[in-house]
Amino acid sequence: MKTLAGAVLLLSFSLSLPGLRLAPADRKPVSVAATQPVKQARKGGRWYFAENGHAVYCFGQGRTLTLLDGGRQRVATFCLGGRKLVPLRD
């Protein structure tokens, strides 16, 4: 009985010491960049003044399109935000 009480006291004392805590399982750190897809960098863009009054950054050329009524409209191509054609202000 004395040995059982001594073992319980020794175990409780050893668990109460700050340096003898059980270490958590080792986990490898996960990089945020490793979990996201890699995007190719686009180069050579240009700022344009859109018809709605906002500045837009586009990677394609500025082109002139012929409208159905015979008029012409200048547009920028492949702009940020997924817009393929943005009408431009002259």
N, C-alpha and C. Protein backbone atom coordinates (compact mmCIF):
# COMPACT_ATOMS: atom_id res chain seq x y z
N MET A 1 0.82 -1.18 0.00
CA MET A 1 0.00 0.00 0.00
C MET A 1 0.86 1.25 0.00
N LYS A 2 1.97 1.20 0.74
CA LYS A 2 2.86 2.36 0.78
C LYS A 2 3.51 2.59 -0.59
N THR A 3 3.83 1.52 -1.30
CA THR A 3 4.46 1.69 -2.61
C THR A 3 3.48 2.26 -3.63
N LEU A 4 2.20 1.87 -3.51
CA LEU A 4 1.19 2.41 -4.41
C LEU A 4 0.99 3.90 -4.16
N ALA A 5 0.92 4.29 -2.91
CA ALA A 5 0.76 5.71 -2.57
C ALA A 5 1.99 6.49 -3.01
N GLY A 6 3.16 5.92 -2.87
CA GLY A 6 4.40 6.59 -3.29
C GLY A 6 4.44 6.76 -4.80
N ALA A 7 3.96 5.75 -5.54
CA ALA A 7 3.96 5.83 -7.00
C ALA A 7 2.98 6.91 -7.48
N VAL A 8 1.82 7.00 -6.82
CA VAL A 8 0.83 8.01 -7.20
C VAL A 8 1.37 9.40 -6.90
N LEU A 9 2.00 9.60 -5.77
CA LEU A 9 2.58 10.90 -5.42
C LEU A 9 3.70 11.28 -6.40
N LEU A 10 4.53 10.31 -6.73
CA LEU A 10 5.63 10.58 -7.65
C LEU A 10 5.10 10.95 -9.05
N LEU A 11 4.08 10.25 -9.50
CA LEU A 11 3.49 10.54 -10.80
C LEU A 11 2.84 11.92 -10.82
N SER A 12 2.08 12.27 -9.79
CA SER A 12 1.42 13.56 -9.75
C SER A 12 2.44 14.69 -9.62
N PHE A 13 3.52 14.44 -8.89
CA PHE A 13 4.57 15.45 -8.74
C PHE A 13 5.30 15.67 -10.08
N SER A 14 5.57 14.60 -10.78
CA SER A 14 6.31 14.73 -12.04
C SER A 14 5.45 15.42 -13.12
N LEU A 15 4.14 15.24 -13.08
CA LEU A 15 3.27 15.91 -14.05
C LEU A 15 3.04 17.38 -13.72
N SER A 16 3.27 17.77 -12.46
CA SER A 16 3.04 19.16 -12.07
C SER A 16 4.25 20.04 -12.37
N LEU A 17 5.40 19.47 -12.67
CA LEU A 17 6.57 20.29 -12.99
C LEU A 17 6.41 20.89 -14.38
N PRO A 18 6.79 22.18 -14.55
CA PRO A 18 6.56 22.83 -15.84
C PRO A 18 7.41 22.28 -16.99
N GLY A 19 8.59 21.79 -16.73
CA GLY A 19 9.46 21.30 -17.79
C GLY A 19 9.13 19.90 -18.27
N LEU A 20 8.23 19.20 -17.60
CA LEU A 20 7.97 17.82 -17.94
C LEU A 20 6.59 17.62 -18.57
N ARG A 21 6.10 18.60 -19.26
CA ARG A 21 4.82 18.47 -19.95
C ARG A 21 4.98 17.57 -21.18
N LEU A 22 3.91 16.92 -21.55
CA LEU A 22 3.94 16.11 -22.75
C LEU A 22 3.94 17.03 -23.97
N ALA A 23 4.83 16.79 -24.90
CA ALA A 23 4.94 17.62 -26.09
C ALA A 23 3.85 17.24 -27.08
N PRO A 24 3.27 18.22 -27.79
CA PRO A 24 2.28 17.89 -28.80
C PRO A 24 2.94 17.17 -29.97
N ALA A 25 2.14 16.50 -30.74
CA ALA A 25 2.66 15.75 -31.88
C ALA A 25 3.32 16.71 -32.86
N ASP A 26 4.44 16.30 -33.44
CA ASP A 26 5.15 17.14 -34.39
C ASP A 26 4.35 17.25 -35.67
N ARG A 27 4.07 18.48 -36.07
CA ARG A 27 3.39 18.72 -37.33
C ARG A 27 4.28 19.60 -38.17
N LYS A 28 4.32 19.30 -39.45
CA LYS A 28 5.12 20.10 -40.36
C LYS A 28 4.35 21.39 -40.67
N PRO A 29 5.05 22.53 -40.67
CA PRO A 29 4.36 23.77 -41.03
C PRO A 29 3.96 23.76 -42.50
N VAL A 30 2.75 24.24 -42.77
CA VAL A 30 2.23 24.26 -44.13
C VAL A 30 2.35 25.68 -44.66
N SER A 31 3.00 25.82 -45.77
CA SER A 31 3.16 27.13 -46.38
C SER A 31 1.87 27.51 -47.09
N VAL A 32 1.46 28.78 -46.97
CA VAL A 32 0.25 29.25 -47.63
C VAL A 32 0.45 29.23 -49.14
N ALA A 33 1.66 29.54 -49.57
CA ALA A 33 1.94 29.56 -51.00
C ALA A 33 1.85 28.15 -51.61
N ALA A 34 2.11 27.12 -50.81
CA ALA A 34 2.06 25.75 -51.32
C ALA A 34 0.63 25.28 -51.53
N THR A 35 -0.34 25.89 -50.84
CA THR A 35 -1.72 25.47 -50.96
C THR A 35 -2.47 26.22 -52.04
N GLN A 36 -1.92 27.34 -52.55
CA GLN A 36 -2.59 28.11 -53.57
C GLN A 36 -1.97 27.84 -54.93
N PRO A 37 -2.77 27.87 -55.99
CA PRO A 37 -2.20 27.63 -57.32
C PRO A 37 -1.26 28.76 -57.72
N VAL A 38 -0.29 28.42 -58.53
CA VAL A 38 0.69 29.40 -58.98
C VAL A 38 0.14 30.13 -60.20
N LYS A 39 0.17 31.45 -60.15
CA LYS A 39 -0.29 32.25 -61.28
C LYS A 39 0.93 32.74 -62.06
N GLN A 40 0.78 32.75 -63.35
CA GLN A 40 1.84 33.30 -64.20
C GLN A 40 1.76 34.82 -64.15
N ALA A 41 2.91 35.45 -64.03
CA ALA A 41 2.96 36.91 -63.99
C ALA A 41 2.71 37.47 -65.39
N ARG A 42 1.86 38.47 -65.48
CA ARG A 42 1.61 39.13 -66.76
C ARG A 42 2.46 40.38 -66.82
N LYS A 43 3.03 40.62 -67.98
CA LYS A 43 3.87 41.80 -68.15
C LYS A 43 3.37 42.60 -69.34
N GLY A 44 3.67 43.87 -69.34
CA GLY A 44 3.39 44.69 -70.49
C GLY A 44 2.00 45.28 -70.55
N GLY A 45 1.35 45.50 -69.42
CA GLY A 45 0.02 46.09 -69.42
C GLY A 45 0.07 47.60 -69.59
N ARG A 46 -1.11 48.18 -69.77
CA ARG A 46 -1.21 49.62 -69.98
C ARG A 46 -2.51 50.13 -69.37
N TRP A 47 -2.49 51.37 -68.87
CA TRP A 47 -3.68 52.00 -68.32
C TRP A 47 -4.48 52.66 -69.44
N TYR A 48 -5.80 52.50 -69.38
CA TYR A 48 -6.72 53.13 -70.34
C TYR A 48 -7.82 53.85 -69.56
N PHE A 49 -8.44 54.84 -70.20
CA PHE A 49 -9.56 55.58 -69.62
C PHE A 49 -10.86 55.02 -70.20
N ALA A 50 -11.61 54.31 -69.38
CA ALA A 50 -12.82 53.63 -69.85
C ALA A 50 -13.95 54.64 -70.09
N GLU A 51 -14.92 54.19 -70.86
CA GLU A 51 -16.07 55.04 -71.20
C GLU A 51 -16.88 55.42 -69.96
N ASN A 52 -16.89 54.58 -68.94
CA ASN A 52 -17.65 54.87 -67.72
C ASN A 52 -16.90 55.81 -66.78
N GLY A 53 -15.69 56.27 -67.17
CA GLY A 53 -14.96 57.24 -66.37
C GLY A 53 -13.90 56.65 -65.45
N HIS A 54 -13.76 55.35 -65.45
CA HIS A 54 -12.77 54.70 -64.58
C HIS A 54 -11.52 54.35 -65.37
N ALA A 55 -10.40 54.29 -64.66
CA ALA A 55 -9.16 53.82 -65.27
C ALA A 55 -9.13 52.29 -65.21
N VAL A 56 -8.70 51.65 -66.29
CA VAL A 56 -8.61 50.19 -66.33
C VAL A 56 -7.21 49.81 -66.79
N TYR A 57 -6.71 48.69 -66.27
CA TYR A 57 -5.39 48.19 -66.65
C TYR A 57 -5.59 46.97 -67.53
N CYS A 58 -5.10 47.05 -68.77
CA CYS A 58 -5.33 45.98 -69.74
C CYS A 58 -4.00 45.47 -70.29
N PHE A 59 -4.00 44.20 -70.65
CA PHE A 59 -2.79 43.55 -71.15
C PHE A 59 -2.80 43.43 -72.66
N GLY A 60 -3.96 43.51 -73.28
CA GLY A 60 -4.05 43.38 -74.73
C GLY A 60 -3.92 44.74 -75.41
N GLN A 61 -4.16 44.74 -76.70
CA GLN A 61 -4.05 45.96 -77.49
C GLN A 61 -5.33 46.78 -77.41
N GLY A 62 -5.20 48.05 -77.73
CA GLY A 62 -6.37 48.88 -77.95
C GLY A 62 -6.80 48.69 -79.40
N ARG A 63 -8.07 48.43 -79.64
CA ARG A 63 -8.55 48.17 -81.00
C ARG A 63 -9.76 49.03 -81.29
N THR A 64 -10.04 49.17 -82.57
CA THR A 64 -11.24 49.88 -83.00
C THR A 64 -12.19 48.87 -83.63
N LEU A 65 -13.40 48.78 -83.08
CA LEU A 65 -14.41 47.85 -83.59
C LEU A 65 -15.47 48.62 -84.38
N THR A 66 -15.99 47.98 -85.41
CA THR A 66 -17.09 48.55 -86.18
C THR A 66 -18.40 48.10 -85.55
N LEU A 67 -19.27 49.05 -85.22
CA LEU A 67 -20.55 48.75 -84.59
C LEU A 67 -21.59 48.40 -85.64
N LEU A 68 -22.72 47.86 -85.21
CA LEU A 68 -23.79 47.46 -86.13
C LEU A 68 -24.39 48.64 -86.90
N ASP A 69 -24.41 49.81 -86.27
CA ASP A 69 -25.00 50.98 -86.94
C ASP A 69 -24.00 51.69 -87.86
N GLY A 70 -22.80 51.11 -88.03
CA GLY A 70 -21.80 51.68 -88.92
C GLY A 70 -20.78 52.55 -88.21
N GLY A 71 -21.01 52.85 -86.94
CA GLY A 71 -20.06 53.65 -86.18
C GLY A 71 -18.86 52.83 -85.73
N ARG A 72 -17.94 53.50 -85.11
CA ARG A 72 -16.74 52.82 -84.61
C ARG A 72 -16.60 53.06 -83.11
N GLN A 73 -16.08 52.06 -82.43
CA GLN A 73 -15.88 52.14 -80.97
C GLN A 73 -14.48 51.64 -80.66
N ARG A 74 -13.72 52.44 -79.94
CA ARG A 74 -12.38 52.02 -79.51
C ARG A 74 -12.52 51.23 -78.22
N VAL A 75 -11.85 50.05 -78.14
CA VAL A 75 -11.92 49.19 -76.97
C VAL A 75 -10.53 48.74 -76.57
N ALA A 76 -10.38 48.43 -75.29
CA ALA A 76 -9.16 47.81 -74.77
C ALA A 76 -9.46 46.33 -74.54
N THR A 77 -8.46 45.48 -74.71
CA THR A 77 -8.69 44.03 -74.61
C THR A 77 -7.93 43.44 -73.43
N PHE A 78 -8.50 42.37 -72.88
CA PHE A 78 -7.92 41.56 -71.79
C PHE A 78 -7.53 42.41 -70.59
N CYS A 79 -8.54 42.95 -69.92
CA CYS A 79 -8.33 43.83 -68.77
C CYS A 79 -8.47 43.06 -67.45
N LEU A 80 -7.96 43.68 -66.40
CA LEU A 80 -8.09 43.07 -65.07
C LEU A 80 -9.56 42.93 -64.70
N GLY A 81 -9.86 41.94 -63.89
CA GLY A 81 -11.22 41.69 -63.49
C GLY A 81 -11.93 40.73 -64.43
N GLY A 82 -11.20 40.12 -65.36
CA GLY A 82 -11.79 39.15 -66.25
C GLY A 82 -12.57 39.74 -67.41
N ARG A 83 -12.46 41.03 -67.61
CA ARG A 83 -13.19 41.67 -68.72
C ARG A 83 -12.35 41.59 -69.97
N LYS A 84 -12.93 41.04 -71.05
CA LYS A 84 -12.19 40.87 -72.30
C LYS A 84 -12.20 42.12 -73.16
N LEU A 85 -13.30 42.86 -73.15
CA LEU A 85 -13.41 44.10 -73.91
C LEU A 85 -13.95 45.21 -73.02
N VAL A 86 -13.27 46.36 -73.03
CA VAL A 86 -13.72 47.52 -72.27
C VAL A 86 -13.82 48.70 -73.23
N PRO A 87 -15.03 49.28 -73.41
CA PRO A 87 -15.15 50.47 -74.27
C PRO A 87 -14.36 51.63 -73.69
N LEU A 88 -13.66 52.36 -74.57
CA LEU A 88 -12.80 53.45 -74.12
C LEU A 88 -13.40 54.80 -74.49
N ARG A 89 -13.06 55.79 -73.69
CA ARG A 89 -13.46 57.16 -73.97
C ARG A 89 -12.41 57.78 -74.89
N ASP A 90 -12.84 58.50 -75.91
CA ASP A 90 -11.88 59.09 -76.86
C ASP A 90 -11.21 60.29 -76.30
